[in-house]
Amino acid sequence: QVQLVESGGGLVQAGGSLRLSCAVSGTSFSSNAMGWYRQAPGKQRELVARITGSGYRNYVDSVKGRFTISRDNARNTVYLQMNSLKPEDTAVYYCNCVVGGYREYWGQGTQVTVSS
C-alpha cells in the first residue's frame, strides 16, 4: 500500500517561507517521479513542481525562482521549499507519486495560506 504523508503547511505573511515535506512508504521511492500540486478555491488543481527519479526538475512559471523541489532518497521524502511567498500561492498543496510510470498516488493535502 503506497502512502504519502504531507507536513509543513501553515499561515505565513507575504514574503515569508515555508518548507513542505512528503514522506512516502510502500514503494521503491528512488525510481518514482514525485510532484507537488496545488488547488486554490474555485480553481483546478495545477502542477507546481516535479522531480524525476534521475533528478530532473520542472516548475510552473509562476513559481520559478521562488520554489525548489528536492528529494532525499535515503529518507523516502520529497520537499518543496517555498520562498518569497505571495497571497496567490494560497492553496491546498498535494504530494503526488507516480509508480511504474503511470499509477498515481496522492497525499491528503496540506493548507498553505499567505496573508498580505
N, C-alpha and C. Protein backbone atom coordinates (compact mmCIF):
# COMPACT_ATOMS: atom_id res chain seq x y z
N GLN A 1 0.85 -1.19 0.00
CA GLN A 1 0.00 0.00 0.00
C GLN A 1 0.88 1.24 0.00
N VAL A 2 0.76 2.03 -1.05
CA VAL A 2 1.54 3.26 -1.14
C VAL A 2 0.85 4.34 -0.30
N GLN A 3 1.63 4.99 0.55
CA GLN A 3 1.08 6.06 1.37
C GLN A 3 1.98 7.29 1.28
N LEU A 4 1.33 8.45 1.22
CA LEU A 4 2.04 9.72 1.18
C LEU A 4 1.52 10.57 2.33
N VAL A 5 2.41 11.09 3.14
CA VAL A 5 2.02 11.90 4.28
C VAL A 5 2.74 13.24 4.19
N GLU A 6 1.95 14.30 4.02
CA GLU A 6 2.50 15.64 3.89
C GLU A 6 2.54 16.34 5.23
N SER A 7 3.43 17.30 5.33
CA SER A 7 3.51 18.16 6.51
C SER A 7 4.18 19.46 6.12
N GLY A 8 4.05 20.47 6.98
CA GLY A 8 4.77 21.71 6.78
C GLY A 8 3.95 22.89 6.34
N GLY A 9 2.67 22.69 6.08
CA GLY A 9 1.84 23.83 5.69
C GLY A 9 1.57 24.75 6.87
N GLY A 10 0.91 25.87 6.58
CA GLY A 10 0.59 26.80 7.65
C GLY A 10 0.28 28.17 7.12
N LEU A 11 0.26 29.13 8.04
CA LEU A 11 -0.03 30.52 7.73
C LEU A 11 1.27 31.33 7.78
N VAL A 12 1.50 32.10 6.75
CA VAL A 12 2.72 32.90 6.67
C VAL A 12 2.40 34.24 6.01
N GLN A 13 3.16 35.25 6.34
CA GLN A 13 2.97 36.55 5.71
C GLN A 13 3.63 36.56 4.34
N ALA A 14 3.13 37.43 3.49
CA ALA A 14 3.73 37.58 2.17
C ALA A 14 5.22 37.89 2.31
N GLY A 15 6.01 37.24 1.46
CA GLY A 15 7.45 37.39 1.53
C GLY A 15 8.13 36.34 2.38
N GLY A 16 7.35 35.60 3.13
CA GLY A 16 7.90 34.58 4.01
C GLY A 16 8.18 33.27 3.29
N SER A 17 8.58 32.28 4.09
CA SER A 17 8.97 30.98 3.54
C SER A 17 8.30 29.84 4.31
N LEU A 18 8.10 28.75 3.60
CA LEU A 18 7.65 27.50 4.20
C LEU A 18 8.35 26.36 3.49
N ARG A 19 8.51 25.24 4.19
CA ARG A 19 9.00 24.04 3.54
C ARG A 19 8.00 22.91 3.77
N LEU A 20 7.52 22.37 2.68
CA LEU A 20 6.62 21.22 2.74
C LEU A 20 7.44 19.93 2.62
N SER A 21 6.98 18.92 3.33
CA SER A 21 7.61 17.60 3.26
C SER A 21 6.55 16.56 2.91
N CYS A 22 6.97 15.52 2.23
CA CYS A 22 6.07 14.42 1.89
C CYS A 22 6.84 13.12 2.07
N ALA A 23 6.45 12.35 3.08
CA ALA A 23 7.08 11.07 3.35
C ALA A 23 6.30 9.97 2.63
N VAL A 24 7.03 9.13 1.92
CA VAL A 24 6.41 8.09 1.09
C VAL A 24 6.78 6.70 1.61
N SER A 25 5.81 5.82 1.64
CA SER A 25 6.06 4.44 2.03
C SER A 25 5.32 3.50 1.09
N GLY A 26 5.79 2.24 1.05
CA GLY A 26 5.09 1.23 0.27
C GLY A 26 5.50 1.13 -1.18
N THR A 27 6.56 1.83 -1.57
CA THR A 27 7.02 1.77 -2.96
C THR A 27 8.52 2.02 -3.01
N SER A 28 9.11 1.67 -4.14
CA SER A 28 10.53 1.91 -4.35
C SER A 28 10.72 3.38 -4.69
N PHE A 29 10.91 4.20 -3.68
CA PHE A 29 10.83 5.65 -3.80
C PHE A 29 11.80 6.22 -4.83
N SER A 30 13.02 5.76 -4.84
CA SER A 30 14.05 6.43 -5.63
C SER A 30 13.79 6.39 -7.12
N SER A 31 13.00 5.45 -7.59
CA SER A 31 12.75 5.34 -9.03
C SER A 31 11.49 6.08 -9.48
N ASN A 32 10.75 6.63 -8.54
CA ASN A 32 9.47 7.25 -8.87
C ASN A 32 9.58 8.75 -9.09
N ALA A 33 8.83 9.24 -10.07
CA ALA A 33 8.68 10.68 -10.22
C ALA A 33 7.77 11.19 -9.11
N MET A 34 8.14 12.34 -8.56
CA MET A 34 7.37 12.95 -7.47
C MET A 34 6.98 14.36 -7.87
N GLY A 35 5.83 14.78 -7.40
CA GLY A 35 5.37 16.12 -7.74
C GLY A 35 4.61 16.78 -6.61
N TRP A 36 4.55 18.09 -6.68
CA TRP A 36 3.69 18.88 -5.81
C TRP A 36 2.67 19.60 -6.68
N TYR A 37 1.41 19.46 -6.30
CA TYR A 37 0.31 20.14 -6.96
C TYR A 37 -0.35 21.06 -5.94
N ARG A 38 -1.16 21.98 -6.44
CA ARG A 38 -1.93 22.82 -5.53
C ARG A 38 -3.30 23.11 -6.13
N GLN A 39 -4.24 23.37 -5.23
CA GLN A 39 -5.59 23.71 -5.66
C GLN A 39 -6.11 24.82 -4.78
N ALA A 40 -6.38 25.94 -5.42
CA ALA A 40 -6.97 27.08 -4.73
C ALA A 40 -8.49 27.00 -4.85
N PRO A 41 -9.23 27.65 -3.94
CA PRO A 41 -10.69 27.60 -4.00
C PRO A 41 -11.21 28.07 -5.36
N GLY A 42 -12.08 27.27 -5.94
CA GLY A 42 -12.68 27.63 -7.21
C GLY A 42 -11.79 27.42 -8.42
N LYS A 43 -10.62 26.85 -8.21
CA LYS A 43 -9.70 26.65 -9.34
C LYS A 43 -9.36 25.16 -9.48
N GLN A 44 -8.85 24.84 -10.65
CA GLN A 44 -8.43 23.46 -10.89
C GLN A 44 -7.08 23.19 -10.23
N ARG A 45 -6.86 21.94 -9.93
CA ARG A 45 -5.57 21.54 -9.38
C ARG A 45 -4.50 21.73 -10.46
N GLU A 46 -3.36 22.30 -10.06
CA GLU A 46 -2.29 22.53 -11.02
C GLU A 46 -0.97 21.97 -10.51
N LEU A 47 -0.14 21.56 -11.45
CA LEU A 47 1.19 21.09 -11.12
C LEU A 47 2.06 22.29 -10.74
N VAL A 48 2.71 22.21 -9.61
CA VAL A 48 3.61 23.26 -9.15
C VAL A 48 5.05 22.91 -9.49
N ALA A 49 5.46 21.71 -9.15
CA ALA A 49 6.85 21.29 -9.39
C ALA A 49 6.89 19.77 -9.45
N ARG A 50 7.88 19.30 -10.20
CA ARG A 50 8.02 17.86 -10.39
C ARG A 50 9.49 17.51 -10.42
N ILE A 51 9.82 16.33 -9.88
CA ILE A 51 11.19 15.85 -9.94
C ILE A 51 11.17 14.37 -10.29
N THR A 52 11.97 14.00 -11.27
CA THR A 52 12.01 12.60 -11.69
C THR A 52 12.96 11.80 -10.80
N GLY A 53 13.00 10.49 -11.02
CA GLY A 53 13.92 9.65 -10.27
C GLY A 53 15.38 10.00 -10.53
N SER A 54 15.67 10.54 -11.70
CA SER A 54 17.04 10.92 -12.04
C SER A 54 17.37 12.34 -11.61
N GLY A 55 16.37 13.05 -11.05
CA GLY A 55 16.64 14.38 -10.52
C GLY A 55 16.27 15.54 -11.42
N TYR A 56 15.69 15.24 -12.58
CA TYR A 56 15.26 16.34 -13.45
C TYR A 56 14.08 17.06 -12.82
N ARG A 57 14.13 18.39 -12.83
CA ARG A 57 13.09 19.21 -12.20
C ARG A 57 12.40 20.10 -13.23
N ASN A 58 11.12 20.31 -13.02
CA ASN A 58 10.43 21.36 -13.78
C ASN A 58 9.40 22.03 -12.87
N TYR A 59 9.09 23.28 -13.21
CA TYR A 59 8.24 24.13 -12.38
C TYR A 59 7.21 24.86 -13.24
N VAL A 60 6.10 25.17 -12.64
CA VAL A 60 5.16 26.07 -13.29
C VAL A 60 5.79 27.46 -13.29
N ASP A 61 5.52 28.24 -14.32
CA ASP A 61 6.19 29.53 -14.48
C ASP A 61 6.03 30.45 -13.27
N SER A 62 4.87 30.41 -12.64
CA SER A 62 4.58 31.35 -11.56
C SER A 62 5.43 31.14 -10.31
N VAL A 63 6.11 30.00 -10.19
CA VAL A 63 6.93 29.75 -9.00
C VAL A 63 8.42 29.66 -9.31
N LYS A 64 8.78 29.76 -10.57
CA LYS A 64 10.20 29.66 -10.93
C LYS A 64 11.01 30.75 -10.23
N GLY A 65 12.13 30.34 -9.65
CA GLY A 65 12.98 31.28 -8.93
C GLY A 65 12.58 31.47 -7.48
N ARG A 66 11.42 30.96 -7.10
CA ARG A 66 10.96 31.10 -5.70
C ARG A 66 10.85 29.75 -4.99
N PHE A 67 10.43 28.73 -5.70
CA PHE A 67 10.21 27.39 -5.12
C PHE A 67 11.30 26.45 -5.61
N THR A 68 11.65 25.50 -4.74
CA THR A 68 12.62 24.46 -5.11
C THR A 68 12.12 23.11 -4.64
N ILE A 69 12.05 22.17 -5.57
CA ILE A 69 11.68 20.80 -5.22
C ILE A 69 12.96 19.98 -5.07
N SER A 70 12.98 19.10 -4.07
CA SER A 70 14.15 18.24 -3.88
C SER A 70 13.68 16.92 -3.29
N ARG A 71 14.56 15.96 -3.31
CA ARG A 71 14.20 14.66 -2.77
C ARG A 71 15.38 14.07 -2.00
N ASP A 72 15.05 13.32 -0.97
CA ASP A 72 16.05 12.61 -0.18
C ASP A 72 15.68 11.13 -0.25
N ASN A 73 16.36 10.40 -1.10
CA ASN A 73 16.00 9.01 -1.32
C ASN A 73 16.28 8.14 -0.10
N ALA A 74 17.22 8.55 0.73
CA ALA A 74 17.52 7.79 1.95
C ALA A 74 16.37 7.89 2.96
N ARG A 75 15.66 9.00 2.90
CA ARG A 75 14.53 9.23 3.82
C ARG A 75 13.17 9.01 3.16
N ASN A 76 13.17 8.63 1.88
CA ASN A 76 11.90 8.46 1.14
C ASN A 76 11.02 9.69 1.26
N THR A 77 11.62 10.85 1.09
CA THR A 77 10.92 12.10 1.31
C THR A 77 11.20 13.08 0.18
N VAL A 78 10.17 13.80 -0.21
CA VAL A 78 10.31 14.88 -1.18
C VAL A 78 9.92 16.17 -0.48
N TYR A 79 10.61 17.26 -0.85
CA TYR A 79 10.41 18.55 -0.21
C TYR A 79 10.01 19.60 -1.24
N LEU A 80 9.36 20.63 -0.76
CA LEU A 80 9.10 21.81 -1.57
C LEU A 80 9.45 23.03 -0.70
N GLN A 81 10.57 23.64 -1.02
CA GLN A 81 10.97 24.86 -0.33
C GLN A 81 10.33 26.03 -1.05
N MET A 82 9.55 26.81 -0.32
CA MET A 82 8.80 27.92 -0.91
C MET A 82 9.28 29.22 -0.28
N ASN A 83 9.88 30.06 -1.08
CA ASN A 83 10.37 31.36 -0.62
C ASN A 83 9.60 32.48 -1.31
N SER A 84 9.72 33.67 -0.76
CA SER A 84 9.06 34.85 -1.33
C SER A 84 7.60 34.57 -1.63
N LEU A 85 6.92 34.01 -0.66
CA LEU A 85 5.53 33.60 -0.86
C LEU A 85 4.63 34.80 -1.11
N LYS A 86 3.62 34.57 -1.96
CA LYS A 86 2.67 35.60 -2.33
C LYS A 86 1.26 35.14 -1.94
N PRO A 87 0.34 36.08 -1.77
CA PRO A 87 -1.04 35.67 -1.45
C PRO A 87 -1.62 34.70 -2.49
N GLU A 88 -1.22 34.85 -3.73
CA GLU A 88 -1.75 33.96 -4.78
C GLU A 88 -1.20 32.55 -4.69
N ASP A 89 -0.25 32.30 -3.80
CA ASP A 89 0.23 30.94 -3.56
C ASP A 89 -0.67 30.19 -2.58
N THR A 90 -1.64 30.89 -2.01
CA THR A 90 -2.56 30.26 -1.07
C THR A 90 -3.34 29.15 -1.75
N ALA A 91 -3.28 27.95 -1.17
CA ALA A 91 -3.94 26.78 -1.75
C ALA A 91 -3.72 25.58 -0.84
N VAL A 92 -4.41 24.51 -1.16
CA VAL A 92 -4.07 23.22 -0.57
C VAL A 92 -3.03 22.57 -1.48
N TYR A 93 -1.94 22.16 -0.88
CA TYR A 93 -0.84 21.56 -1.63
C TYR A 93 -0.86 20.04 -1.44
N TYR A 94 -0.75 19.34 -2.57
CA TYR A 94 -0.82 17.88 -2.57
C TYR A 94 0.48 17.28 -3.11
N CYS A 95 0.91 16.25 -2.46
CA CYS A 95 2.06 15.48 -2.93
C CYS A 95 1.57 14.37 -3.87
N ASN A 96 2.33 14.11 -4.91
CA ASN A 96 1.94 13.12 -5.91
C ASN A 96 3.12 12.20 -6.19
N CYS A 97 2.82 10.92 -6.31
CA CYS A 97 3.86 9.92 -6.61
C CYS A 97 3.40 9.10 -7.80
N VAL A 98 4.25 8.96 -8.79
CA VAL A 98 3.92 8.16 -9.97
C VAL A 98 4.74 6.89 -9.95
N VAL A 99 4.05 5.76 -9.84
CA VAL A 99 4.71 4.46 -9.74
C VAL A 99 4.61 3.74 -11.07
N GLY A 100 5.73 3.20 -11.53
CA GLY A 100 5.71 2.45 -12.77
C GLY A 100 5.40 3.29 -13.99
N GLY A 101 5.52 4.60 -13.85
CA GLY A 101 5.32 5.49 -14.98
C GLY A 101 3.88 5.88 -15.26
N TYR A 102 2.92 5.28 -14.52
CA TYR A 102 1.54 5.61 -14.83
C TYR A 102 0.59 5.57 -13.64
N ARG A 103 0.90 4.86 -12.58
CA ARG A 103 -0.03 4.73 -11.45
C ARG A 103 0.25 5.86 -10.46
N GLU A 104 -0.78 6.66 -10.20
CA GLU A 104 -0.59 7.84 -9.37
C GLU A 104 -1.18 7.66 -7.98
N TYR A 105 -0.47 8.20 -7.01
CA TYR A 105 -0.92 8.22 -5.63
C TYR A 105 -0.82 9.64 -5.10
N TRP A 106 -1.75 9.96 -4.16
CA TRP A 106 -1.84 11.31 -3.64
C TRP A 106 -1.80 11.33 -2.12
N GLY A 107 -1.25 12.42 -1.60
CA GLY A 107 -1.33 12.67 -0.18
C GLY A 107 -2.67 13.32 0.16
N GLN A 108 -2.85 13.59 1.44
CA GLN A 108 -4.13 14.13 1.91
C GLN A 108 -4.23 15.63 1.71
N GLY A 109 -3.11 16.28 1.43
CA GLY A 109 -3.10 17.72 1.23
C GLY A 109 -2.73 18.48 2.50
N THR A 110 -2.08 19.60 2.30
CA THR A 110 -1.73 20.47 3.42
C THR A 110 -2.01 21.92 3.02
N GLN A 111 -2.63 22.66 3.90
CA GLN A 111 -3.06 24.02 3.59
C GLN A 111 -1.90 25.00 3.74
N VAL A 112 -1.73 25.82 2.73
CA VAL A 112 -0.78 26.94 2.78
C VAL A 112 -1.58 28.22 2.60
N THR A 113 -1.46 29.11 3.56
CA THR A 113 -2.16 30.39 3.50
C THR A 113 -1.16 31.52 3.63
N VAL A 114 -1.16 32.41 2.65
CA VAL A 114 -0.23 33.53 2.64
C VAL A 114 -1.05 34.81 2.80
N SER A 115 -0.79 35.53 3.88
CA SER A 115 -1.54 36.77 4.14
C SER A 115 -0.79 37.96 3.56
N SER A 116 -1.55 38.95 3.15
CA SER A 116 -0.94 40.14 2.53
C SER A 116 -0.64 41.20 3.57
